[in-house]
Amino acid sequence: MSLSRIVMRLARNPGTEFAGGDDHRGYTLTAPLTADGHIDEAAYSKAKAECVVRRFAPDEEATDGRLARKGTRWYFDYEAGDTADDEPVHRLGDHRFAVGEYVTVNDEDGRPLTYKVVEVQAV
């Protein structure tokens, strides 16, 4: 099993203060991927501790967390045991992590924002 480092940057989000996107806001995610770029669920179950996420933005300190799953629901978890800080990722299991693809993450306020995959590298 190999892990990949995935970088997603805030894409255009019309109707928000990020209508034009923001390359300085996003996530760096480490997770196992299948050959076609989807989350490898079997490998994830064996490597949960290594599946981490970092949220970054120019106006706040980077926040480290982990990729977590309950049933079919995937989310970014920043403090174990506290669900208030969880950021659900819309249909994460269906997303293909390849450069140019888009992923929707609900931010800390519960607002869905779209991010563009800009980098995928084996680690």
PDB file of N, CA and C in Angstrom:
ATOM      1  N   MET A   1       0.836  -1.173   0.000  1.00  0.00           N
ATOM      2  CA  MET A   1       0.000   0.000   0.000  1.00  0.00           C
ATOM      3  C   MET A   1       0.881   1.236   0.000  1.00  0.00           C
ATOM      4  N   SER A   2       0.516   2.198  -0.840  1.00  0.00           N
ATOM      5  CA  SER A   2       1.248   3.456  -0.834  1.00  0.00           C
ATOM      6  C   SER A   2       0.274   4.604  -0.587  1.00  0.00           C
ATOM      7  N   LEU A   3       0.797   5.639   0.022  1.00  0.00           N
ATOM      8  CA  LEU A   3      -0.003   6.812   0.311  1.00  0.00           C
ATOM      9  C   LEU A   3       0.292   7.900  -0.708  1.00  0.00           C
ATOM     10  N   SER A   4      -0.672   8.780  -0.892  1.00  0.00           N
ATOM     11  CA  SER A   4      -0.503   9.922  -1.787  1.00  0.00           C
ATOM     12  C   SER A   4      -0.729  11.209  -1.022  1.00  0.00           C
ATOM     13  N   ARG A   5      -0.004  12.218  -1.430  1.00  0.00           N
ATOM     14  CA  ARG A   5      -0.188  13.572  -0.892  1.00  0.00           C
ATOM     15  C   ARG A   5      -1.027  14.322  -1.916  1.00  0.00           C
ATOM     16  N   ILE A   6      -2.173  14.822  -1.468  1.00  0.00           N
ATOM     17  CA  ILE A   6      -3.133  15.487  -2.343  1.00  0.00           C
ATOM     18  C   ILE A   6      -3.272  16.937  -1.875  1.00  0.00           C
ATOM     19  N   VAL A   7      -3.070  17.873  -2.786  1.00  0.00           N
ATOM     20  CA  VAL A   7      -3.229  19.284  -2.447  1.00  0.00           C
ATOM     21  C   VAL A   7      -4.464  19.809  -3.175  1.00  0.00           C
ATOM     22  N   MET A   8      -5.372  20.413  -2.401  1.00  0.00           N
ATOM     23  CA  MET A   8      -6.593  20.999  -2.959  1.00  0.00           C
ATOM     24  C   MET A   8      -6.618  22.476  -2.572  1.00  0.00           C
ATOM     25  N   ARG A   9      -6.892  23.337  -3.554  1.00  0.00           N
ATOM     26  CA  ARG A   9      -6.962  24.776  -3.313  1.00  0.00           C
ATOM     27  C   ARG A   9      -8.377  25.268  -3.603  1.00  0.00           C
ATOM     28  N   LEU A  10      -8.784  26.310  -2.870  1.00  0.00           N
ATOM     29  CA  LEU A  10     -10.135  26.833  -2.989  1.00  0.00           C
ATOM     30  C   LEU A  10     -10.415  27.290  -4.422  1.00  0.00           C
ATOM     31  N   ALA A  11     -11.431  26.703  -5.018  1.00  0.00           N
ATOM     32  CA  ALA A  11     -11.836  27.031  -6.388  1.00  0.00           C
ATOM     33  C   ALA A  11     -12.824  28.201  -6.358  1.00  0.00           C
ATOM     34  N   ARG A  12     -13.307  28.596  -7.516  1.00  0.00           N
ATOM     35  CA  ARG A  12     -14.331  29.641  -7.574  1.00  0.00           C
ATOM     36  C   ARG A  12     -15.586  29.142  -6.873  1.00  0.00           C
ATOM     37  N   ASN A  13     -16.137  29.992  -6.014  1.00  0.00           N
ATOM     38  CA  ASN A  13     -17.355  29.674  -5.273  1.00  0.00           C
ATOM     39  C   ASN A  13     -18.299  30.865  -5.384  1.00  0.00           C
ATOM     40  N   PRO A  14     -19.029  30.970  -6.512  1.00  0.00           N
ATOM     41  CA  PRO A  14     -19.948  32.096  -6.707  1.00  0.00           C
ATOM     42  C   PRO A  14     -20.920  32.240  -5.537  1.00  0.00           C
ATOM     43  N   GLY A  15     -21.244  33.486  -5.198  1.00  0.00           N
ATOM     44  CA  GLY A  15     -22.172  33.749  -4.119  1.00  0.00           C
ATOM     45  C   GLY A  15     -21.524  33.771  -2.741  1.00  0.00           C
ATOM     46  N   THR A  16     -20.208  33.609  -2.689  1.00  0.00           N
ATOM     47  CA  THR A  16     -19.475  33.680  -1.425  1.00  0.00           C
ATOM     48  C   THR A  16     -18.403  34.754  -1.565  1.00  0.00           C
ATOM     49  N   GLU A  17     -17.698  35.019  -0.479  1.00  0.00           N
ATOM     50  CA  GLU A  17     -16.580  35.961  -0.561  1.00  0.00           C
ATOM     51  C   GLU A  17     -15.418  35.398  -1.368  1.00  0.00           C
ATOM     52  N   PHE A  18     -15.530  34.131  -1.788  1.00  0.00           N
ATOM     53  CA  PHE A  18     -14.496  33.481  -2.590  1.00  0.00           C
ATOM     54  C   PHE A  18     -14.961  33.248  -4.027  1.00  0.00           C
ATOM     55  N   ALA A  19     -15.705  34.193  -4.560  1.00  0.00           N
ATOM     56  CA  ALA A  19     -16.263  34.044  -5.915  1.00  0.00           C
ATOM     57  C   ALA A  19     -15.174  33.759  -6.944  1.00  0.00           C
ATOM     58  N   GLY A  20     -13.990  34.328  -6.747  1.00  0.00           N
ATOM     59  CA  GLY A  20     -12.890  34.103  -7.686  1.00  0.00           C
ATOM     60  C   GLY A  20     -11.939  33.011  -7.268  1.00  0.00           C
ATOM     61  N   GLY A  21     -12.232  32.336  -6.147  1.00  0.00           N
ATOM     62  CA  GLY A  21     -11.334  31.312  -5.628  1.00  0.00           C
ATOM     63  C   GLY A  21     -10.231  31.949  -4.800  1.00  0.00           C
ATOM     64  N   ASP A  22      -9.353  31.129  -4.253  1.00  0.00           N
ATOM     65  CA  ASP A  22      -8.232  31.622  -3.460  1.00  0.00           C
ATOM     66  C   ASP A  22      -7.181  30.528  -3.394  1.00  0.00           C
ATOM     67  N   ASP A  23      -6.080  30.704  -4.129  1.00  0.00           N
ATOM     68  CA  ASP A  23      -5.007  29.709  -4.155  1.00  0.00           C
ATOM     69  C   ASP A  23      -4.274  29.572  -2.835  1.00  0.00           C
ATOM     70  N   HIS A  24      -4.512  30.491  -1.897  1.00  0.00           N
ATOM     71  CA  HIS A  24      -3.817  30.458  -0.617  1.00  0.00           C
ATOM     72  C   HIS A  24      -4.627  29.756   0.468  1.00  0.00           C
ATOM     73  N   ARG A  25      -5.805  29.233   0.115  1.00  0.00           N
ATOM     74  CA  ARG A  25      -6.660  28.491   1.052  1.00  0.00           C
ATOM     75  C   ARG A  25      -6.856  27.080   0.514  1.00  0.00           C
ATOM     76  N   GLY A  26      -6.769  26.125   1.397  1.00  0.00           N
ATOM     77  CA  GLY A  26      -7.006  24.763   0.932  1.00  0.00           C
ATOM     78  C   GLY A  26      -6.638  23.716   1.951  1.00  0.00           C
ATOM     79  N   TYR A  27      -6.378  22.528   1.429  1.00  0.00           N
ATOM     80  CA  TYR A  27      -6.084  21.361   2.246  1.00  0.00           C
ATOM     81  C   TYR A  27      -4.951  20.567   1.613  1.00  0.00           C
ATOM     82  N   THR A  28      -4.139  19.976   2.461  1.00  0.00           N
ATOM     83  CA  THR A  28      -3.182  18.960   2.044  1.00  0.00           C
ATOM     84  C   THR A  28      -3.606  17.685   2.754  1.00  0.00           C
ATOM     85  N   LEU A  29      -3.870  16.651   1.992  1.00  0.00           N
ATOM     86  CA  LEU A  29      -4.401  15.398   2.503  1.00  0.00           C
ATOM     87  C   LEU A  29      -3.443  14.263   2.159  1.00  0.00           C
ATOM     88  N   THR A  30      -3.206  13.382   3.102  1.00  0.00           N
ATOM     89  CA  THR A  30      -2.434  12.171   2.846  1.00  0.00           C
ATOM     90  C   THR A  30      -3.387  10.990   2.984  1.00  0.00           C
ATOM     91  N   ALA A  31      -3.505  10.209   1.909  1.00  0.00           N
ATOM     92  CA  ALA A  31      -4.447   9.087   1.903  1.00  0.00           C
ATOM     93  C   ALA A  31      -4.015   8.062   0.852  1.00  0.00           C
ATOM     94  N   PRO A  32      -4.439   6.797   1.008  1.00  0.00           N
ATOM     95  CA  PRO A  32      -4.153   5.781  -0.004  1.00  0.00           C
ATOM     96  C   PRO A  32      -5.151   5.913  -1.163  1.00  0.00           C
ATOM     97  N   LEU A  33      -4.653   5.826  -2.372  1.00  0.00           N
ATOM     98  CA  LEU A  33      -5.508   5.914  -3.556  1.00  0.00           C
ATOM     99  C   LEU A  33      -5.403   4.648  -4.386  1.00  0.00           C
ATOM    100  N   THR A  34      -6.482   4.324  -5.071  1.00  0.00           N
ATOM    101  CA  THR A  34      -6.466   3.218  -6.025  1.00  0.00           C
ATOM    102  C   THR A  34      -5.755   3.705  -7.292  1.00  0.00           C
ATOM    103  N   ALA A  35      -5.518   2.797  -8.213  1.00  0.00           N
ATOM    104  CA  ALA A  35      -4.840   3.155  -9.461  1.00  0.00           C
ATOM    105  C   ALA A  35      -5.608   4.212 -10.245  1.00  0.00           C
ATOM    106  N   ASP A  36      -6.941   4.238 -10.096  1.00  0.00           N
ATOM    107  CA  ASP A  36      -7.724   5.243 -10.831  1.00  0.00           C
ATOM    108  C   ASP A  36      -7.979   6.513 -10.023  1.00  0.00           C
ATOM    109  N   GLY A  37      -7.342   6.652  -8.834  1.00  0.00           N
ATOM    110  CA  GLY A  37      -7.397   7.895  -8.088  1.00  0.00           C
ATOM    111  C   GLY A  37      -8.479   8.035  -7.043  1.00  0.00           C
ATOM    112  N   HIS A  38      -9.177   6.960  -6.722  1.00  0.00           N
ATOM    113  CA  HIS A  38     -10.191   7.002  -5.669  1.00  0.00           C
ATOM    114  C   HIS A  38      -9.562   6.586  -4.333  1.00  0.00           C
ATOM    115  N   ILE A  39     -10.195   6.992  -3.229  1.00  0.00           N
ATOM    116  CA  ILE A  39      -9.714   6.546  -1.922  1.00  0.00           C
ATOM    117  C   ILE A  39      -9.775   5.025  -1.876  1.00  0.00           C
ATOM    118  N   ASP A  40      -8.673   4.406  -1.488  1.00  0.00           N
ATOM    119  CA  ASP A  40      -8.609   2.956  -1.358  1.00  0.00           C
ATOM    120  C   ASP A  40      -9.113   2.604   0.045  1.00  0.00           C
ATOM    121  N   GLU A  41     -10.376   2.222   0.127  1.00  0.00           N
ATOM    122  CA  GLU A  41     -11.016   1.986   1.429  1.00  0.00           C
ATOM    123  C   GLU A  41     -10.363   0.853   2.205  1.00  0.00           C
ATOM    124  N   ALA A  42      -9.947  -0.201   1.535  1.00  0.00           N
ATOM    125  CA  ALA A  42      -9.302  -1.319   2.227  1.00  0.00           C
ATOM    126  C   ALA A  42      -7.956  -0.878   2.809  1.00  0.00           C
ATOM    127  N   ALA A  43      -7.196  -0.136   2.032  1.00  0.00           N
ATOM    128  CA  ALA A  43      -5.901   0.355   2.512  1.00  0.00           C
ATOM    129  C   ALA A  43      -6.091   1.395   3.615  1.00  0.00           C
ATOM    130  N   TYR A  44      -7.138   2.216   3.503  1.00  0.00           N
ATOM    131  CA  TYR A  44      -7.416   3.212   4.540  1.00  0.00           C
ATOM    132  C   TYR A  44      -7.621   2.539   5.895  1.00  0.00           C
ATOM    133  N   SER A  45      -8.359   1.442   5.909  1.00  0.00           N
ATOM    134  CA  SER A  45      -8.643   0.778   7.184  1.00  0.00           C
ATOM    135  C   SER A  45      -7.369   0.276   7.861  1.00  0.00           C
ATOM    136  N   LYS A  46      -6.312   0.039   7.090  1.00  0.00           N
ATOM    137  CA  LYS A  46      -5.039  -0.427   7.643  1.00  0.00           C
ATOM    138  C   LYS A  46      -4.084   0.717   7.961  1.00  0.00           C
ATOM    139  N   ALA A  47      -4.359   1.909   7.420  1.00  0.00           N
ATOM    140  CA  ALA A  47      -3.415   3.028   7.562  1.00  0.00           C
ATOM    141  C   ALA A  47      -4.068   4.291   8.101  1.00  0.00           C
ATOM    142  N   LYS A  48      -5.125   4.140   8.888  1.00  0.00           N
ATOM    143  CA  LYS A  48      -5.862   5.304   9.397  1.00  0.00           C
ATOM    144  C   LYS A  48      -4.958   6.339  10.058  1.00  0.00           C
ATOM    145  N   ALA A  49      -4.004   5.879  10.844  1.00  0.00           N
ATOM    146  CA  ALA A  49      -3.137   6.798  11.590  1.00  0.00           C
ATOM    147  C   ALA A  49      -2.282   7.664  10.667  1.00  0.00           C
ATOM    148  N   GLU A  50      -2.034   7.190   9.461  1.00  0.00           N
ATOM    149  CA  GLU A  50      -1.208   7.931   8.514  1.00  0.00           C
ATOM    150  C   GLU A  50      -2.026   8.838   7.596  1.00  0.00           C
ATOM    151  N   CYS A  51      -3.342   8.756   7.677  1.00  0.00           N
ATOM    152  CA  CYS A  51      -4.229   9.541   6.811  1.00  0.00           C
ATOM    153  C   CYS A  51      -4.540  10.861   7.507  1.00  0.00           C
ATOM    154  N   VAL A  52      -3.751  11.857   7.186  1.00  0.00           N
ATOM    155  CA  VAL A  52      -3.837  13.147   7.865  1.00  0.00           C
ATOM    156  C   VAL A  52      -4.248  14.246   6.894  1.00  0.00           C
ATOM    157  N   VAL A  53      -4.684  15.357   7.478  1.00  0.00           N
ATOM    158  CA  VAL A  53      -5.097  16.511   6.693  1.00  0.00           C
ATOM    159  C   VAL A  53      -4.545  17.764   7.357  1.00  0.00           C
ATOM    160  N   ARG A  54      -4.223  18.757   6.546  1.00  0.00           N
ATOM    161  CA  ARG A  54      -3.807  20.075   7.044  1.00  0.00           C
ATOM    162  C   ARG A  54      -4.617  21.111   6.288  1.00  0.00           C
ATOM    163  N   ARG A  55      -5.344  21.929   7.041  1.00  0.00           N
ATOM    164  CA  ARG A  55      -6.110  23.034   6.449  1.00  0.00           C
ATOM    165  C   ARG A  55      -5.233  24.278   6.538  1.00  0.00           C
ATOM    166  N   PHE A  56      -5.114  25.010   5.422  1.00  0.00           N
ATOM    167  CA  PHE A  56      -4.281  26.211   5.433  1.00  0.00           C
ATOM    168  C   PHE A  56      -5.037  27.396   4.838  1.00  0.00           C
ATOM    169  N   ALA A  57      -4.737  28.574   5.362  1.00  0.00           N
ATOM    170  CA  ALA A  57      -5.327  29.825   4.897  1.00  0.00           C
ATOM    171  C   ALA A  57      -4.402  30.952   5.337  1.00  0.00           C
ATOM    172  N   PRO A  58      -4.344  32.038   4.590  1.00  0.00           N
ATOM    173  CA  PRO A  58      -3.397  33.109   4.918  1.00  0.00           C
ATOM    174  C   PRO A  58      -3.728  33.858   6.209  1.00  0.00           C
ATOM    175  N   ASP A  59      -4.979  33.834   6.639  1.00  0.00           N
ATOM    176  CA  ASP A  59      -5.386  34.614   7.806  1.00  0.00           C
ATOM    177  C   ASP A  59      -5.553  33.769   9.068  1.00  0.00           C
ATOM    178  N   GLU A  60      -5.028  32.535   9.054  1.00  0.00           N
ATOM    179  CA  GLU A  60      -5.116  31.679  10.242  1.00  0.00           C
ATOM    180  C   GLU A  60      -3.958  30.699  10.244  1.00  0.00           C
ATOM    181  N   GLU A  61      -3.656  30.174  11.432  1.00  0.00           N
ATOM    182  CA  GLU A  61      -2.609  29.158  11.521  1.00  0.00           C
ATOM    183  C   GLU A  61      -3.105  27.867  10.874  1.00  0.00           C
ATOM    184  N   ALA A  62      -2.188  27.118  10.291  1.00  0.00           N
ATOM    185  CA  ALA A  62      -2.562  25.827   9.703  1.00  0.00           C
ATOM    186  C   ALA A  62      -3.119  24.928  10.810  1.00  0.00           C
ATOM    187  N   THR A  63      -4.124  24.136  10.455  1.00  0.00           N
ATOM    188  CA  THR A  63      -4.773  23.246  11.405  1.00  0.00           C
ATOM    189  C   THR A  63      -4.584  21.807  10.937  1.00  0.00           C
ATOM    190  N   ASP A  64      -4.047  20.977  11.816  1.00  0.00           N
ATOM    191  CA  ASP A  64      -3.805  19.574  11.486  1.00  0.00           C
ATOM    192  C   ASP A  64      -4.917  18.693  12.035  1.00  0.00           C
ATOM    193  N   GLY A  65      -5.278  17.689  11.253  1.00  0.00           N
ATOM    194  CA  GLY A  65      -6.305  16.747  11.669  1.00  0.00           C
ATOM    195  C   GLY A  65      -6.089  15.404  10.994  1.00  0.00           C
ATOM    196  N   ARG A  66      -7.167  14.645  10.907  1.00  0.00           N
ATOM    197  CA  ARG A  66      -7.073  13.318  10.295  1.00  0.00           C
ATOM    198  C   ARG A  66      -8.281  13.087   9.397  1.00  0.00           C
ATOM    199  N   LEU A  67      -8.101  12.205   8.450  1.00  0.00           N
ATOM    200  CA  LEU A  67      -9.202  11.752   7.618  1.00  0.00           C
ATOM    201  C   LEU A  67      -9.942  10.686   8.411  1.00  0.00           C
ATOM    202  N   ALA A  68     -11.242  10.839   8.548  1.00  0.00           N
ATOM    203  CA  ALA A  68     -12.018   9.888   9.341  1.00  0.00           C
ATOM    204  C   ALA A  68     -13.253   9.451   8.559  1.00  0.00           C
ATOM    205  N   ARG A  69     -13.836   8.343   9.018  1.00  0.00           N
ATOM    206  CA  ARG A  69     -14.998   7.781   8.333  1.00  0.00           C
ATOM    207  C   ARG A  69     -15.936   7.138   9.340  1.00  0.00           C
ATOM    208  N   LYS A  70     -17.229   7.390   9.163  1.00  0.00           N
ATOM    209  CA  LYS A  70     -18.287   6.704   9.910  1.00  0.00           C
ATOM    210  C   LYS A  70     -19.281   6.221   8.873  1.00  0.00           C
ATOM    211  N   GLY A  71     -19.362   4.907   8.692  1.00  0.00           N
ATOM    212  CA  GLY A  71     -20.227   4.355   7.648  1.00  0.00           C
ATOM    213  C   GLY A  71     -19.732   4.815   6.290  1.00  0.00           C
ATOM    214  N   THR A  72     -20.588   5.457   5.531  1.00  0.00           N
ATOM    215  CA  THR A  72     -20.183   5.966   4.209  1.00  0.00           C
ATOM    216  C   THR A  72     -19.814   7.443   4.274  1.00  0.00           C
ATOM    217  N   ARG A  73     -19.881   8.037   5.463  1.00  0.00           N
ATOM    218  CA  ARG A  73     -19.621   9.465   5.643  1.00  0.00           C
ATOM    219  C   ARG A  73     -18.143   9.703   5.947  1.00  0.00           C
ATOM    220  N   TRP A  74     -17.480  10.458   5.081  1.00  0.00           N
ATOM    221  CA  TRP A  74     -16.081  10.827   5.279  1.00  0.00           C
ATOM    222  C   TRP A  74     -16.029  12.266   5.777  1.00  0.00           C
ATOM    223  N   TYR A  75     -15.035  12.558   6.609  1.00  0.00           N
ATOM    224  CA  TYR A  75     -14.885  13.929   7.101  1.00  0.00           C
ATOM    225  C   TYR A  75     -13.456  14.153   7.581  1.00  0.00           C
ATOM    226  N   PHE A  76     -13.109  15.439   7.712  1.00  0.00           N
ATOM    227  CA  PHE A  76     -11.845  15.830   8.295  1.00  0.00           C
ATOM    228  C   PHE A  76     -12.116  16.104   9.770  1.00  0.00           C
ATOM    229  N   ASP A  77     -11.358  15.478  10.647  1.00  0.00           N
ATOM    230  CA  ASP A  77     -11.551  15.587  12.090  1.00  0.00           C
ATOM    231  C   ASP A  77     -10.317  16.253  12.685  1.00  0.00           C
ATOM    232  N   TYR A  78     -10.521  17.364  13.377  1.00  0.00           N
ATOM    233  CA  TYR A  78      -9.401  18.120  13.920  1.00  0.00           C
ATOM    234  C   TYR A  78      -9.167  17.908  15.403  1.00  0.00           C
ATOM    235  N   GLU A  79     -10.182  17.436  16.130  1.00  0.00           N
ATOM    236  CA  GLU A  79     -10.019  17.154  17.548  1.00  0.00           C
ATOM    237  C   GLU A  79     -10.835  15.911  17.883  1.00  0.00           C
ATOM    238  N   ALA A  80     -10.144  14.836  18.211  1.00  0.00           N
ATOM    239  CA  ALA A  80     -10.822  13.571  18.510  1.00  0.00           C
ATOM    240  C   ALA A  80     -11.853  13.764  19.608  1.00  0.00           C
ATOM    241  N   GLY A  81     -13.024  13.198  19.402  1.00  0.00           N
ATOM    242  CA  GLY A  81     -14.082  13.264  20.393  1.00  0.00           C
ATOM    243  C   GLY A  81     -14.955  14.500  20.298  1.00  0.00           C
ATOM    244  N   ASP A  82     -14.548  15.490  19.499  1.00  0.00           N
ATOM    245  CA  ASP A  82     -15.322  16.726  19.345  1.00  0.00           C
ATOM    246  C   ASP A  82     -15.860  16.773  17.922  1.00  0.00           C
ATOM    247  N   THR A  83     -17.165  16.590  17.764  1.00  0.00           N
ATOM    248  CA  THR A  83     -17.747  16.591  16.426  1.00  0.00           C
ATOM    249  C   THR A  83     -18.021  17.990  15.902  1.00  0.00           C
ATOM    250  N   ALA A  84     -17.941  19.008  16.752  1.00  0.00           N
ATOM    251  CA  ALA A  84     -18.226  20.385  16.332  1.00  0.00           C
ATOM    252  C   ALA A  84     -17.206  20.892  15.312  1.00  0.00           C
ATOM    253  N   ASP A  85     -15.998  20.352  15.334  1.00  0.00           N
ATOM    254  CA  ASP A  85     -14.964  20.825  14.415  1.00  0.00           C
ATOM    255  C   ASP A  85     -14.846  19.965  13.153  1.00  0.00           C
ATOM    256  N   ASP A  86     -15.660  18.947  13.020  1.00  0.00           N
ATOM    257  CA  ASP A  86     -15.589  18.062  11.850  1.00  0.00           C
ATOM    258  C   ASP A  86     -16.010  18.799  10.590  1.00  0.00           C
ATOM    259  N   GLU A  87     -15.322  18.507   9.500  1.00  0.00           N
ATOM    260  CA  GLU A  87     -15.664  19.072   8.197  1.00  0.00           C
ATOM    261  C   GLU A  87     -16.014  17.926   7.244  1.00  0.00           C
ATOM    262  N   PRO A  88     -17.308  17.698   6.998  1.00  0.00           N
ATOM    263  CA  PRO A  88     -17.709  16.626   6.086  1.00  0.00           C
ATOM    264  C   PRO A  88     -17.228  16.897   4.657  1.00  0.00           C
ATOM    265  N   VAL A  89     -16.867  15.825   3.975  1.00  0.00           N
ATOM    266  CA  VAL A  89     -16.447  15.923   2.575  1.00  0.00           C
ATOM    267  C   VAL A  89     -17.524  15.231   1.751  1.00  0.00           C
ATOM    268  N   HIS A  90     -18.183  15.988   0.896  1.00  0.00           N
ATOM    269  CA  HIS A  90     -19.314  15.499   0.118  1.00  0.00           C
ATOM    270  C   HIS A  90     -18.898  14.356  -0.800  1.00  0.00           C
ATOM    271  N   ARG A  91     -19.460  13.183  -0.572  1.00  0.00           N
ATOM    272  CA  ARG A  91     -19.260  11.993  -1.413  1.00  0.00           C
ATOM    273  C   ARG A  91     -17.784  11.693  -1.672  1.00  0.00           C
ATOM    274  N   LEU A  92     -16.975  11.785  -0.640  1.00  0.00           N
ATOM    275  CA  LEU A  92     -15.533  11.580  -0.788  1.00  0.00           C
ATOM    276  C   LEU A  92     -15.206  10.237  -1.438  1.00  0.00           C
ATOM    277  N   GLY A  93     -15.932   9.198  -1.070  1.00  0.00           N
ATOM    278  CA  GLY A  93     -15.663   7.882  -1.636  1.00  0.00           C
ATOM    279  C   GLY A  93     -15.888   7.802  -3.135  1.00  0.00           C
ATOM    280  N   ASP A  94     -16.654   8.748  -3.684  1.00  0.00           N
ATOM    281  CA  ASP A  94     -16.927   8.765  -5.126  1.00  0.00           C
ATOM    282  C   ASP A  94     -15.964   9.646  -5.904  1.00  0.00           C
ATOM    283  N   HIS A  95     -15.229  10.499  -5.200  1.00  0.00           N
ATOM    284  CA  HIS A  95     -14.351  11.446  -5.882  1.00  0.00           C
ATOM    285  C   HIS A  95     -13.109  10.768  -6.434  1.00  0.00           C
ATOM    286  N   ARG A  96     -12.673  11.289  -7.551  1.00  0.00           N
ATOM    287  CA  ARG A  96     -11.409  10.866  -8.147  1.00  0.00           C
ATOM    288  C   ARG A  96     -10.397  11.963  -7.850  1.00  0.00           C
ATOM    289  N   PHE A  97      -9.316  11.593  -7.186  1.00  0.00           N
ATOM    290  CA  PHE A  97      -8.281  12.570  -6.849  1.00  0.00           C
ATOM    291  C   PHE A  97      -7.236  12.578  -7.961  1.00  0.00           C
ATOM    292  N   ALA A  98      -7.451  13.480  -8.888  1.00  0.00           N
ATOM    293  CA  ALA A  98      -6.539  13.691 -10.008  1.00  0.00           C
ATOM    294  C   ALA A  98      -6.505  15.195 -10.254  1.00  0.00           C
ATOM    295  N   VAL A  99      -5.387  15.679 -10.732  1.00  0.00           N
ATOM    296  CA  VAL A  99      -5.243  17.109 -10.992  1.00  0.00           C
ATOM    297  C   VAL A  99      -6.378  17.585 -11.889  1.00  0.00           C
ATOM    298  N   GLY A 100      -7.027  18.672 -11.467  1.00  0.00           N
ATOM    299  CA  GLY A 100      -8.125  19.248 -12.233  1.00  0.00           C
ATOM    300  C   GLY A 100      -9.505  18.840 -11.751  1.00  0.00           C
ATOM    301  N   GLU A 101      -9.597  17.805 -10.900  1.00  0.00           N
ATOM    302  CA  GLU A 101     -10.882  17.365 -10.361  1.00  0.00           C
ATOM    303  C   GLU A 101     -11.297  18.289  -9.214  1.00  0.00           C
ATOM    304  N   TYR A 102     -12.575  18.269  -8.861  1.00  0.00           N
ATOM    305  CA  TYR A 102     -13.118  19.133  -7.807  1.00  0.00           C
ATOM    306  C   TYR A 102     -13.689  18.304  -6.659  1.00  0.00           C
ATOM    307  N   VAL A 103     -13.570  18.853  -5.442  1.00  0.00           N
ATOM    308  CA  VAL A 103     -14.047  18.209  -4.230  1.00  0.00           C
ATOM    309  C   VAL A 103     -14.771  19.264  -3.402  1.00  0.00           C
ATOM    310  N   THR A 104     -15.917  18.916  -2.810  1.00  0.00           N
ATOM    311  CA  THR A 104     -16.658  19.841  -1.959  1.00  0.00           C
ATOM    312  C   THR A 104     -16.451  19.461  -0.500  1.00  0.00           C
ATOM    313  N   VAL A 105     -16.033  20.447   0.295  1.00  0.00           N
ATOM    314  CA  VAL A 105     -15.814  20.269   1.724  1.00  0.00           C
ATOM    315  C   VAL A 105     -16.702  21.279   2.452  1.00  0.00           C
ATOM    316  N   ASN A 106     -17.408  20.832   3.473  1.00  0.00           N
ATOM    317  CA  ASN A 106     -18.173  21.760   4.318  1.00  0.00           C
ATOM    318  C   ASN A 106     -17.206  22.379   5.311  1.00  0.00           C
ATOM    319  N   ASP A 107     -17.094  23.706   5.290  1.00  0.00           N
ATOM    320  CA  ASP A 107     -16.146  24.366   6.178  1.00  0.00           C
ATOM    321  C   ASP A 107     -16.612  24.332   7.627  1.00  0.00           C
ATOM    322  N   GLU A 108     -15.849  24.960   8.514  1.00  0.00           N
ATOM    323  CA  GLU A 108     -16.151  24.906   9.944  1.00  0.00           C
ATOM    324  C   GLU A 108     -17.500  25.530  10.287  1.00  0.00           C
ATOM    325  N   ASP A 109     -18.057  26.326   9.372  1.00  0.00           N
ATOM    326  CA  ASP A 109     -19.386  26.909   9.568  1.00  0.00           C
ATOM    327  C   ASP A 109     -20.490  26.090   8.902  1.00  0.00           C
ATOM    328  N   GLY A 110     -20.121  24.939   8.316  1.00  0.00           N
ATOM    329  CA  GLY A 110     -21.098  24.080   7.658  1.00  0.00           C
ATOM    330  C   GLY A 110     -21.417  24.474   6.235  1.00  0.00           C
ATOM    331  N   ARG A 111     -20.695  25.431   5.703  1.00  0.00           N
ATOM    332  CA  ARG A 111     -20.925  25.940   4.355  1.00  0.00           C
ATOM    333  C   ARG A 111     -20.150  25.099   3.340  1.00  0.00           C
ATOM    334  N   PRO A 112     -20.809  24.583   2.294  1.00  0.00           N
ATOM    335  CA  PRO A 112     -20.097  23.791   1.291  1.00  0.00           C
ATOM    336  C   PRO A 112     -19.262  24.690   0.378  1.00  0.00           C
ATOM    337  N   LEU A 113     -17.966  24.384   0.280  1.00  0.00           N
ATOM    338  CA  LEU A 113     -17.064  25.114  -0.605  1.00  0.00           C
ATOM    339  C   LEU A 113     -16.352  24.119  -1.517  1.00  0.00           C
ATOM    340  N   THR A 114     -16.113  24.536  -2.741  1.00  0.00           N
ATOM    341  CA  THR A 114     -15.498  23.670  -3.740  1.00  0.00           C
ATOM    342  C   THR A 114     -13.999  23.937  -3.816  1.00  0.00           C
ATOM    343  N   TYR A 115     -13.241  22.843  -3.867  1.00  0.00           N
ATOM    344  CA  TYR A 115     -11.782  22.909  -3.963  1.00  0.00           C
ATOM    345  C   TYR A 115     -11.338  22.153  -5.213  1.00  0.00           C
ATOM    346  N   LYS A 116     -10.255  22.625  -5.797  1.00  0.00           N
ATOM    347  CA  LYS A 116      -9.716  21.989  -6.994  1.00  0.00           C
ATOM    348  C   LYS A 116      -8.442  21.220  -6.614  1.00  0.00           C
ATOM    349  N   VAL A 117      -8.336  19.981  -7.076  1.00  0.00           N
ATOM    350  CA  VAL A 117      -7.137  19.182  -6.858  1.00  0.00           C
ATOM    351  C   VAL A 117      -6.047  19.744  -7.769  1.00  0.00           C
ATOM    352  N   VAL A 118      -4.949  20.197  -7.156  1.00  0.00           N
ATOM    353  CA  VAL A 118      -3.868  20.806  -7.943  1.00  0.00           C
ATOM    354  C   VAL A 118      -2.584  19.977  -7.930  1.00  0.00           C
ATOM    355  N   GLU A 119      -2.530  18.973  -7.043  1.00  0.00           N
ATOM    356  CA  GLU A 119      -1.318  18.145  -6.968  1.00  0.00           C
ATOM    357  C   GLU A 119      -1.655  16.799  -6.350  1.00  0.00           C
ATOM    358  N   VAL A 120      -1.111  15.739  -6.919  1.00  0.00           N
ATOM    359  CA  VAL A 120      -1.211  14.390  -6.357  1.00  0.00           C
ATOM    360  C   VAL A 120       0.152  13.740  -6.538  1.00  0.00           C
ATOM    361  N   GLN A 121       0.788  13.367  -5.423  1.00  0.00           N
ATOM    362  CA  GLN A 121       2.108  12.752  -5.469  1.00  0.00           C
ATOM    363  C   GLN A 121       2.189  11.591  -4.499  1.00  0.00           C
ATOM    364  N   ALA A 122       2.878  10.549  -4.895  1.00  0.00           N
ATOM    365  CA  ALA A 122       3.124   9.431  -3.985  1.00  0.00           C
ATOM    366  C   ALA A 122       4.085   9.887  -2.888  1.00  0.00           C
ATOM    367  N   VAL A 123       3.849   9.403  -1.663  1.00  0.00           N
ATOM    368  CA  VAL A 123       4.757   9.750  -0.553  1.00  0.00           C
ATOM    369  C   VAL A 123       5.504   8.534  -0.082  1.00  0.00           C
TER     370      VAL A 123
END
